[in-house]
């Protein structure tokens, strides 16, 4: 059956659909030996030979087992698959036997909390797309005590230093001392270091930042560096009835930072 090329590339685990579109327009994809640059192009993996940067992806599509990992990312790890500076990567915290997993969205180097990793490009595209409004909830500790009107500006949306305006955000104060404030912040978009930049814009820098929920998904039992596999019902809940027809074979498990598992 013919499917859009970017969807096939995502299902092969090569890249998310968005990144696959970039690869197609850059001329890095061929069908039966011919370079394809048009995004609407379709192919049938049962009949057509599809290559990405010279690599045949048909075997990947045939053997691909979908894996979905929830990791409690500690501070001091990059949400990346490689780093020229040799800094620790989140991919090092899950078993190599899972194969190549890519992070779903990002948490910056000094941010901790829940992070999804998968080899399912379609799932990644769904979670990270702003139109699907998958809420990400953060616990934020900031320096000083911001005035109420400044927080209200953040709730409505604020122009960052590069001129880009943030979408409205849900912000609730959860605690306060003489020198610091704690907030719960809910975002539906994922600009680079957005929460840190938002509070910098009102003169109150972030001291600690932790993501505690992705959509309905939370897990207080996961210690830093620990991970667990999503249950098929959790994946189906994100993806809806379409995903229910093809839930993953992996069963729910829990692991530690050295790749072990525990119930």
C-alpha atoms as a PDB file:
ATOM      1  CA  UNK A   1       0.000   0.000   0.000  1.00  0.00           C
ATOM      2  CA  UNK A   2       1.337   3.422  -0.910  1.00  0.00           C
ATOM      3  CA  UNK A   3       2.031   5.847   1.913  1.00  0.00           C
ATOM      4  CA  UNK A   4       3.565   9.296   2.154  1.00  0.00           C
ATOM      5  CA  UNK A   5       7.331   9.126   2.046  1.00  0.00           C
ATOM      6  CA  UNK A   6       7.881  11.170   5.206  1.00  0.00           C
ATOM      7  CA  UNK A   7       5.604   8.828   7.142  1.00  0.00           C
ATOM      8  CA  UNK A   8       7.553   5.772   5.980  1.00  0.00           C
ATOM      9  CA  UNK A   9      10.849   7.382   6.969  1.00  0.00           C
ATOM     10  CA  UNK A  10       9.422   8.150  10.404  1.00  0.00           C
ATOM     11  CA  UNK A  11       8.107   4.620  10.846  1.00  0.00           C
ATOM     12  CA  UNK A  12      11.549   3.267   9.963  1.00  0.00           C
ATOM     13  CA  UNK A  13      12.910   5.218  12.918  1.00  0.00           C
ATOM     14  CA  UNK A  14      15.232   7.352  10.806  1.00  0.00           C
ATOM     15  CA  UNK A  15      13.719  10.692  11.810  1.00  0.00           C
ATOM     16  CA  UNK A  16      10.512  12.394  12.843  1.00  0.00           C
ATOM     17  CA  UNK A  17       8.132  13.274  10.012  1.00  0.00           C
ATOM     18  CA  UNK A  18       9.129  16.923  10.247  1.00  0.00           C
ATOM     19  CA  UNK A  19      12.821  16.087   9.902  1.00  0.00           C
ATOM     20  CA  UNK A  20      12.023  13.576   7.167  1.00  0.00           C
ATOM     21  CA  UNK A  21      10.426  16.370   5.146  1.00  0.00           C
ATOM     22  CA  UNK A  22      13.661  18.358   5.423  1.00  0.00           C
ATOM     23  CA  UNK A  23      15.639  15.339   4.209  1.00  0.00           C
ATOM     24  CA  UNK A  24      13.295  14.881   1.244  1.00  0.00           C
ATOM     25  CA  UNK A  25      13.483  18.500   0.106  1.00  0.00           C
ATOM     26  CA  UNK A  26      17.281  18.362   0.507  1.00  0.00           C
ATOM     27  CA  UNK A  27      17.436  15.519  -2.050  1.00  0.00           C
ATOM     28  CA  UNK A  28      18.612  12.886   0.442  1.00  0.00           C
ATOM     29  CA  UNK A  29      15.874  10.353  -0.383  1.00  0.00           C
ATOM     30  CA  UNK A  30      15.510   8.093  -3.427  1.00  0.00           C
ATOM     31  CA  UNK A  31      12.762   5.774  -4.653  1.00  0.00           C
ATOM     32  CA  UNK A  32      13.963   3.053  -7.009  1.00  0.00           C
ATOM     33  CA  UNK A  33      17.186   4.972  -7.579  1.00  0.00           C
ATOM     34  CA  UNK A  34      15.549   8.317  -8.410  1.00  0.00           C
ATOM     35  CA  UNK A  35      15.948  11.334  -6.141  1.00  0.00           C
ATOM     36  CA  UNK A  36      12.641  12.587  -4.756  1.00  0.00           C
ATOM     37  CA  UNK A  37      12.179  16.150  -3.491  1.00  0.00           C
ATOM     38  CA  UNK A  38       8.395  16.560  -3.578  1.00  0.00           C
ATOM     39  CA  UNK A  39       6.740  16.187  -0.160  1.00  0.00           C
ATOM     40  CA  UNK A  40       3.507  14.704  -1.463  1.00  0.00           C
ATOM     41  CA  UNK A  41       5.308  11.706  -2.988  1.00  0.00           C
ATOM     42  CA  UNK A  42       4.054   8.259  -1.993  1.00  0.00           C
ATOM     43  CA  UNK A  43       5.753   4.875  -2.075  1.00  0.00           C
ATOM     44  CA  UNK A  44       4.901   1.241  -1.406  1.00  0.00           C
ATOM     45  CA  UNK A  45       7.583  -0.442   0.760  1.00  0.00           C
ATOM     46  CA  UNK A  46       6.407  -3.839  -0.526  1.00  0.00           C
ATOM     47  CA  UNK A  47       7.262  -2.822  -4.073  1.00  0.00           C
ATOM     48  CA  UNK A  48       9.560   0.209  -4.061  1.00  0.00           C
ATOM     49  CA  UNK A  49      13.169   0.446  -2.890  1.00  0.00           C
ATOM     50  CA  UNK A  50      13.411   3.450  -0.574  1.00  0.00           C
ATOM     51  CA  UNK A  51      16.788   4.829   0.457  1.00  0.00           C
ATOM     52  CA  UNK A  52      17.654   7.625   2.854  1.00  0.00           C
ATOM     53  CA  UNK A  53      21.188   8.943   2.451  1.00  0.00           C
ATOM     54  CA  UNK A  54      22.006   5.771   0.542  1.00  0.00           C
ATOM     55  CA  UNK A  55      20.604   3.427   3.183  1.00  0.00           C
ATOM     56  CA  UNK A  56      17.789   1.054   2.238  1.00  0.00           C
ATOM     57  CA  UNK A  57      14.999   1.438   4.810  1.00  0.00           C
ATOM     58  CA  UNK A  58      12.712  -1.386   3.618  1.00  0.00           C
ATOM     59  CA  UNK A  59      14.208  -3.950   6.049  1.00  0.00           C
ATOM     60  CA  UNK A  60      13.720  -1.477   8.904  1.00  0.00           C
ATOM     61  CA  UNK A  61      10.059  -1.092   8.015  1.00  0.00           C
ATOM     62  CA  UNK A  62       9.567  -4.848   7.894  1.00  0.00           C
ATOM     63  CA  UNK A  63      11.209  -5.603  11.232  1.00  0.00           C
ATOM     64  CA  UNK A  64      10.445  -2.470  13.200  1.00  0.00           C
ATOM     65  CA  UNK A  65       9.132  -3.008  16.711  1.00  0.00           C
ATOM     66  CA  UNK A  66       7.785   0.155  18.266  1.00  0.00           C
ATOM     67  CA  UNK A  67       9.339   1.057  21.608  1.00  0.00           C
ATOM     68  CA  UNK A  68       8.187   3.855  23.925  1.00  0.00           C
ATOM     69  CA  UNK A  69      10.271   4.775  26.972  1.00  0.00           C
ATOM     70  CA  UNK A  70       9.517   7.213  29.779  1.00  0.00           C
ATOM     71  CA  UNK A  71      12.744   8.451  31.390  1.00  0.00           C
ATOM     72  CA  UNK A  72      13.297  10.652  34.431  1.00  0.00           C
ATOM     73  CA  UNK A  73      16.092  12.789  33.012  1.00  0.00           C
ATOM     74  CA  UNK A  74      18.605  14.095  35.558  1.00  0.00           C
ATOM     75  CA  UNK A  75      20.454  17.400  35.267  1.00  0.00           C
ATOM     76  CA  UNK A  76      23.686  17.261  33.318  1.00  0.00           C
ATOM     77  CA  UNK A  77      22.484  15.163  30.367  1.00  0.00           C
ATOM     78  CA  UNK A  78      21.911  16.314  26.793  1.00  0.00           C
ATOM     79  CA  UNK A  79      18.623  15.539  25.053  1.00  0.00           C
ATOM     80  CA  UNK A  80      20.516  14.540  21.920  1.00  0.00           C
ATOM     81  CA  UNK A  81      21.821  11.485  20.084  1.00  0.00           C
ATOM     82  CA  UNK A  82      25.382  12.819  19.776  1.00  0.00           C
ATOM     83  CA  UNK A  83      27.584  15.584  21.143  1.00  0.00           C
ATOM     84  CA  UNK A  84      30.981  16.676  19.741  1.00  0.00           C
ATOM     85  CA  UNK A  85      32.020  17.780  23.239  1.00  0.00           C
ATOM     86  CA  UNK A  86      31.445  14.315  24.657  1.00  0.00           C
ATOM     87  CA  UNK A  87      28.889  15.347  27.257  1.00  0.00           C
ATOM     88  CA  UNK A  88      26.531  12.691  28.725  1.00  0.00           C
ATOM     89  CA  UNK A  89      23.491  11.835  26.571  1.00  0.00           C
ATOM     90  CA  UNK A  90      20.018  10.693  27.595  1.00  0.00           C
ATOM     91  CA  UNK A  91      20.361   7.813  25.116  1.00  0.00           C
ATOM     92  CA  UNK A  92      23.057   6.368  27.396  1.00  0.00           C
ATOM     93  CA  UNK A  93      20.482   5.887  30.160  1.00  0.00           C
ATOM     94  CA  UNK A  94      18.378   3.288  28.299  1.00  0.00           C
ATOM     95  CA  UNK A  95      19.441  -0.194  27.138  1.00  0.00           C
ATOM     96  CA  UNK A  96      21.364  -0.408  23.857  1.00  0.00           C
ATOM     97  CA  UNK A  97      19.248  -3.479  23.060  1.00  0.00           C
ATOM     98  CA  UNK A  98      16.337  -1.121  22.325  1.00  0.00           C
ATOM     99  CA  UNK A  99      18.191   0.117  19.252  1.00  0.00           C
ATOM    100  CA  UNK A 100      18.223   3.723  18.124  1.00  0.00           C
ATOM    101  CA  UNK A 101      15.682   5.753  20.102  1.00  0.00           C
ATOM    102  CA  UNK A 102      15.235   9.481  19.629  1.00  0.00           C
ATOM    103  CA  UNK A 103      13.976  11.945  22.252  1.00  0.00           C
ATOM    104  CA  UNK A 104      10.435  13.257  21.874  1.00  0.00           C
ATOM    105  CA  UNK A 105      11.023  16.980  22.217  1.00  0.00           C
ATOM    106  CA  UNK A 106      13.785  18.375  24.411  1.00  0.00           C
ATOM    107  CA  UNK A 107      14.803  19.208  27.941  1.00  0.00           C
ATOM    108  CA  UNK A 108      17.877  21.395  28.195  1.00  0.00           C
ATOM    109  CA  UNK A 109      21.125  20.322  29.870  1.00  0.00           C
ATOM    110  CA  UNK A 110      20.222  21.674  33.321  1.00  0.00           C
ATOM    111  CA  UNK A 111      16.530  20.738  33.255  1.00  0.00           C
ATOM    112  CA  UNK A 112      15.337  17.504  34.792  1.00  0.00           C
ATOM    113  CA  UNK A 113      12.148  15.490  34.658  1.00  0.00           C
ATOM    114  CA  UNK A 114      10.045  13.344  32.381  1.00  0.00           C
ATOM    115  CA  UNK A 115      11.212  12.710  28.828  1.00  0.00           C
ATOM    116  CA  UNK A 116       9.875  10.292  26.226  1.00  0.00           C
ATOM    117  CA  UNK A 117      12.149   8.356  23.857  1.00  0.00           C
ATOM    118  CA  UNK A 118      10.925   6.231  20.960  1.00  0.00           C
ATOM    119  CA  UNK A 119      11.684   4.848  17.517  1.00  0.00           C
ATOM    120  CA  UNK A 120       8.192   5.798  16.304  1.00  0.00           C
ATOM    121  CA  UNK A 121       8.374   8.992  14.251  1.00  0.00           C
ATOM    122  CA  UNK A 122       4.613   9.293  13.993  1.00  0.00           C
ATOM    123  CA  UNK A 123       4.281   9.224  17.784  1.00  0.00           C
ATOM    124  CA  UNK A 124       7.004  11.880  18.060  1.00  0.00           C
ATOM    125  CA  UNK A 125       5.239  14.086  15.549  1.00  0.00           C
ATOM    126  CA  UNK A 126       1.950  13.779  17.447  1.00  0.00           C
ATOM    127  CA  UNK A 127       3.394  14.640  20.862  1.00  0.00           C
ATOM    128  CA  UNK A 128       5.497  17.575  19.664  1.00  0.00           C
ATOM    129  CA  UNK A 129       2.931  19.137  17.334  1.00  0.00           C
ATOM    130  CA  UNK A 130       1.395  22.276  18.840  1.00  0.00           C
ATOM    131  CA  UNK A 131      -1.926  21.585  17.136  1.00  0.00           C
ATOM    132  CA  UNK A 132      -2.447  18.446  19.236  1.00  0.00           C
ATOM    133  CA  UNK A 133      -2.084  20.491  22.437  1.00  0.00           C
ATOM    134  CA  UNK A 134      -0.321  17.840  24.506  1.00  0.00           C
ATOM    135  CA  UNK A 135       0.281  19.731  27.748  1.00  0.00           C
ATOM    136  CA  UNK A 136       3.711  19.692  29.389  1.00  0.00           C
ATOM    137  CA  UNK A 137       3.679  20.568  33.090  1.00  0.00           C
ATOM    138  CA  UNK A 138       6.738  21.959  34.876  1.00  0.00           C
ATOM    139  CA  UNK A 139       7.739  22.779  38.446  1.00  0.00           C
ATOM    140  CA  UNK A 140       9.726  26.030  38.389  1.00  0.00           C
ATOM    141  CA  UNK A 141      11.753  27.708  41.134  1.00  0.00           C
ATOM    142  CA  UNK A 142      12.732  31.301  40.360  1.00  0.00           C
ATOM    143  CA  UNK A 143      14.980  33.863  41.982  1.00  0.00           C
ATOM    144  CA  UNK A 144      13.150  36.554  43.888  1.00  0.00           C
ATOM    145  CA  UNK A 145       9.420  37.206  44.100  1.00  0.00           C
ATOM    146  CA  UNK A 146       7.943  38.337  40.759  1.00  0.00           C
ATOM    147  CA  UNK A 147       5.091  40.855  41.000  1.00  0.00           C
ATOM    148  CA  UNK A 148       1.640  39.601  40.046  1.00  0.00           C
ATOM    149  CA  UNK A 149       1.428  41.839  36.983  1.00  0.00           C
ATOM    150  CA  UNK A 150       4.659  40.356  35.607  1.00  0.00           C
ATOM    151  CA  UNK A 151       3.290  36.815  35.985  1.00  0.00           C
ATOM    152  CA  UNK A 152       0.084  37.933  34.302  1.00  0.00           C
ATOM    153  CA  UNK A 153       2.169  39.107  31.316  1.00  0.00           C
ATOM    154  CA  UNK A 154       3.649  35.612  31.053  1.00  0.00           C
ATOM    155  CA  UNK A 155       0.180  34.065  31.198  1.00  0.00           C
ATOM    156  CA  UNK A 156      -0.987  36.186  28.251  1.00  0.00           C
ATOM    157  CA  UNK A 157       2.185  35.606  26.212  1.00  0.00           C
ATOM    158  CA  UNK A 158       5.357  37.650  26.045  1.00  0.00           C
ATOM    159  CA  UNK A 159       7.828  38.728  23.363  1.00  0.00           C
ATOM    160  CA  UNK A 160      11.184  37.004  23.930  1.00  0.00           C
ATOM    161  CA  UNK A 161      14.579  38.559  23.233  1.00  0.00           C
ATOM    162  CA  UNK A 162      14.486  37.340  19.608  1.00  0.00           C
ATOM    163  CA  UNK A 163      11.110  39.002  19.025  1.00  0.00           C
ATOM    164  CA  UNK A 164       9.115  35.754  18.980  1.00  0.00           C
ATOM    165  CA  UNK A 165       5.961  35.903  21.080  1.00  0.00           C
ATOM    166  CA  UNK A 166       5.080  32.971  23.319  1.00  0.00           C
ATOM    167  CA  UNK A 167       1.639  31.410  23.374  1.00  0.00           C
ATOM    168  CA  UNK A 168      -0.533  31.885  26.471  1.00  0.00           C
ATOM    169  CA  UNK A 169       0.586  29.724  29.404  1.00  0.00           C
ATOM    170  CA  UNK A 170      -1.062  28.469  32.577  1.00  0.00           C
ATOM    171  CA  UNK A 171       0.967  29.614  35.591  1.00  0.00           C
ATOM    172  CA  UNK A 172       0.073  28.966  39.237  1.00  0.00           C
ATOM    173  CA  UNK A 173       2.130  29.948  42.283  1.00  0.00           C
ATOM    174  CA  UNK A 174       2.656  26.959  44.559  1.00  0.00           C
ATOM    175  CA  UNK A 175       5.000  28.334  47.233  1.00  0.00           C
ATOM    176  CA  UNK A 176       6.900  31.457  48.233  1.00  0.00           C
ATOM    177  CA  UNK A 177       9.735  32.507  50.553  1.00  0.00           C
ATOM    178  CA  UNK A 178      11.523  35.792  51.095  1.00  0.00           C
ATOM    179  CA  UNK A 179      14.031  35.008  48.357  1.00  0.00           C
ATOM    180  CA  UNK A 180      12.326  32.577  45.941  1.00  0.00           C
ATOM    181  CA  UNK A 181       9.012  31.567  44.371  1.00  0.00           C
ATOM    182  CA  UNK A 182       7.777  28.233  43.060  1.00  0.00           C
ATOM    183  CA  UNK A 183       5.321  27.909  40.180  1.00  0.00           C
ATOM    184  CA  UNK A 184       3.527  25.247  38.196  1.00  0.00           C
ATOM    185  CA  UNK A 185       3.727  26.123  34.503  1.00  0.00           C
ATOM    186  CA  UNK A 186       1.722  24.397  31.762  1.00  0.00           C
ATOM    187  CA  UNK A 187       2.865  24.771  28.142  1.00  0.00           C
ATOM    188  CA  UNK A 188       1.451  23.471  24.878  1.00  0.00           C
ATOM    189  CA  UNK A 189       4.400  24.599  22.753  1.00  0.00           C
ATOM    190  CA  UNK A 190       8.089  23.806  22.974  1.00  0.00           C
ATOM    191  CA  UNK A 191      10.377  26.688  22.087  1.00  0.00           C
ATOM    192  CA  UNK A 192      14.032  26.297  23.017  1.00  0.00           C
ATOM    193  CA  UNK A 193      14.534  27.010  26.762  1.00  0.00           C
ATOM    194  CA  UNK A 194      11.161  28.750  26.741  1.00  0.00           C
ATOM    195  CA  UNK A 195      10.436  28.826  30.476  1.00  0.00           C
ATOM    196  CA  UNK A 196      13.920  30.082  31.346  1.00  0.00           C
ATOM    197  CA  UNK A 197      13.642  32.794  28.691  1.00  0.00           C
ATOM    198  CA  UNK A 198      10.148  33.783  29.857  1.00  0.00           C
ATOM    199  CA  UNK A 199      11.229  34.395  33.438  1.00  0.00           C
ATOM    200  CA  UNK A 200      14.462  36.064  32.307  1.00  0.00           C
ATOM    201  CA  UNK A 201      12.273  38.513  30.379  1.00  0.00           C
ATOM    202  CA  UNK A 202      10.644  39.691  33.627  1.00  0.00           C
ATOM    203  CA  UNK A 203      13.929  39.789  35.540  1.00  0.00           C
ATOM    204  CA  UNK A 204      13.565  36.629  37.649  1.00  0.00           C
ATOM    205  CA  UNK A 205      15.897  33.856  36.528  1.00  0.00           C
ATOM    206  CA  UNK A 206      15.036  30.176  36.896  1.00  0.00           C
ATOM    207  CA  UNK A 207      16.979  28.353  39.595  1.00  0.00           C
ATOM    208  CA  UNK A 208      15.423  24.905  39.168  1.00  0.00           C
ATOM    209  CA  UNK A 209      13.232  23.438  36.442  1.00  0.00           C
ATOM    210  CA  UNK A 210      11.611  20.012  36.328  1.00  0.00           C
ATOM    211  CA  UNK A 211       9.006  18.522  33.978  1.00  0.00           C
ATOM    212  CA  UNK A 212       6.502  16.498  35.963  1.00  0.00           C
ATOM    213  CA  UNK A 213       3.835  15.606  33.406  1.00  0.00           C
ATOM    214  CA  UNK A 214       3.425  15.020  29.649  1.00  0.00           C
ATOM    215  CA  UNK A 215      -0.261  15.023  28.772  1.00  0.00           C
ATOM    216  CA  UNK A 216      -1.873  12.581  31.214  1.00  0.00           C
ATOM    217  CA  UNK A 217       1.474  10.855  31.803  1.00  0.00           C
ATOM    218  CA  UNK A 218       3.282  11.221  35.126  1.00  0.00           C
ATOM    219  CA  UNK A 219       5.283   8.880  37.338  1.00  0.00           C
ATOM    220  CA  UNK A 220       6.408  10.006  40.775  1.00  0.00           C
ATOM    221  CA  UNK A 221       8.010   6.605  41.414  1.00  0.00           C
ATOM    222  CA  UNK A 222      10.732   7.076  38.809  1.00  0.00           C
ATOM    223  CA  UNK A 223      13.960   8.265  40.403  1.00  0.00           C
ATOM    224  CA  UNK A 224      16.435  10.299  38.319  1.00  0.00           C
ATOM    225  CA  UNK A 225      18.052   8.108  35.617  1.00  0.00           C
ATOM    226  CA  UNK A 226      15.295   5.499  35.920  1.00  0.00           C
ATOM    227  CA  UNK A 227      13.038   4.594  33.003  1.00  0.00           C
ATOM    228  CA  UNK A 228      10.067   2.434  32.197  1.00  0.00           C
ATOM    229  CA  UNK A 229       8.324   1.288  29.027  1.00  0.00           C
ATOM    230  CA  UNK A 230       4.922   2.724  28.273  1.00  0.00           C
ATOM    231  CA  UNK A 231       2.060   0.274  28.438  1.00  0.00           C
ATOM    232  CA  UNK A 232       0.174  -0.280  25.164  1.00  0.00           C
ATOM    233  CA  UNK A 233      -2.865   1.376  26.765  1.00  0.00           C
ATOM    234  CA  UNK A 234      -0.820   4.530  27.421  1.00  0.00           C
ATOM    235  CA  UNK A 235       0.350   4.735  23.815  1.00  0.00           C
ATOM    236  CA  UNK A 236      -3.217   4.144  22.627  1.00  0.00           C
ATOM    237  CA  UNK A 237      -4.507   6.877  24.907  1.00  0.00           C
ATOM    238  CA  UNK A 238      -2.127   9.363  23.291  1.00  0.00           C
ATOM    239  CA  UNK A 239      -2.755   8.283  19.735  1.00  0.00           C
ATOM    240  CA  UNK A 240      -6.449   7.433  19.952  1.00  0.00           C
ATOM    241  CA  UNK A 241      -8.298   4.776  17.994  1.00  0.00           C
ATOM    242  CA  UNK A 242      -5.778   4.826  15.136  1.00  0.00           C
ATOM    243  CA  UNK A 243      -2.977   3.741  17.452  1.00  0.00           C
ATOM    244  CA  UNK A 244      -5.170   1.132  19.188  1.00  0.00           C
ATOM    245  CA  UNK A 245      -5.120  -0.927  15.994  1.00  0.00           C
ATOM    246  CA  UNK A 246      -1.336  -1.318  16.247  1.00  0.00           C
ATOM    247  CA  UNK A 247      -0.200  -1.194  19.868  1.00  0.00           C
ATOM    248  CA  UNK A 248       3.407  -2.185  20.666  1.00  0.00           C
ATOM    249  CA  UNK A 249       4.374  -5.692  21.667  1.00  0.00           C
ATOM    250  CA  UNK A 250       6.615  -4.613  24.549  1.00  0.00           C
ATOM    251  CA  UNK A 251       5.148  -4.979  28.025  1.00  0.00           C
ATOM    252  CA  UNK A 252       5.479  -2.434  30.777  1.00  0.00           C
ATOM    253  CA  UNK A 253       8.739  -2.583  32.698  1.00  0.00           C
ATOM    254  CA  UNK A 254      10.885  -0.351  34.852  1.00  0.00           C
ATOM    255  CA  UNK A 255      14.617   0.199  34.675  1.00  0.00           C
ATOM    256  CA  UNK A 256      17.535   1.873  36.355  1.00  0.00           C
ATOM    257  CA  UNK A 257      20.200   4.150  34.932  1.00  0.00           C
ATOM    258  CA  UNK A 258      22.524   1.213  34.146  1.00  0.00           C
ATOM    259  CA  UNK A 259      19.938  -0.362  31.833  1.00  0.00           C
ATOM    260  CA  UNK A 260      18.544  -2.853  34.342  1.00  0.00           C
ATOM    261  CA  UNK A 261      14.855  -3.350  34.927  1.00  0.00           C
ATOM    262  CA  UNK A 262      12.699  -3.765  37.968  1.00  0.00           C
ATOM    263  CA  UNK A 263       9.006  -4.162  38.525  1.00  0.00           C
END
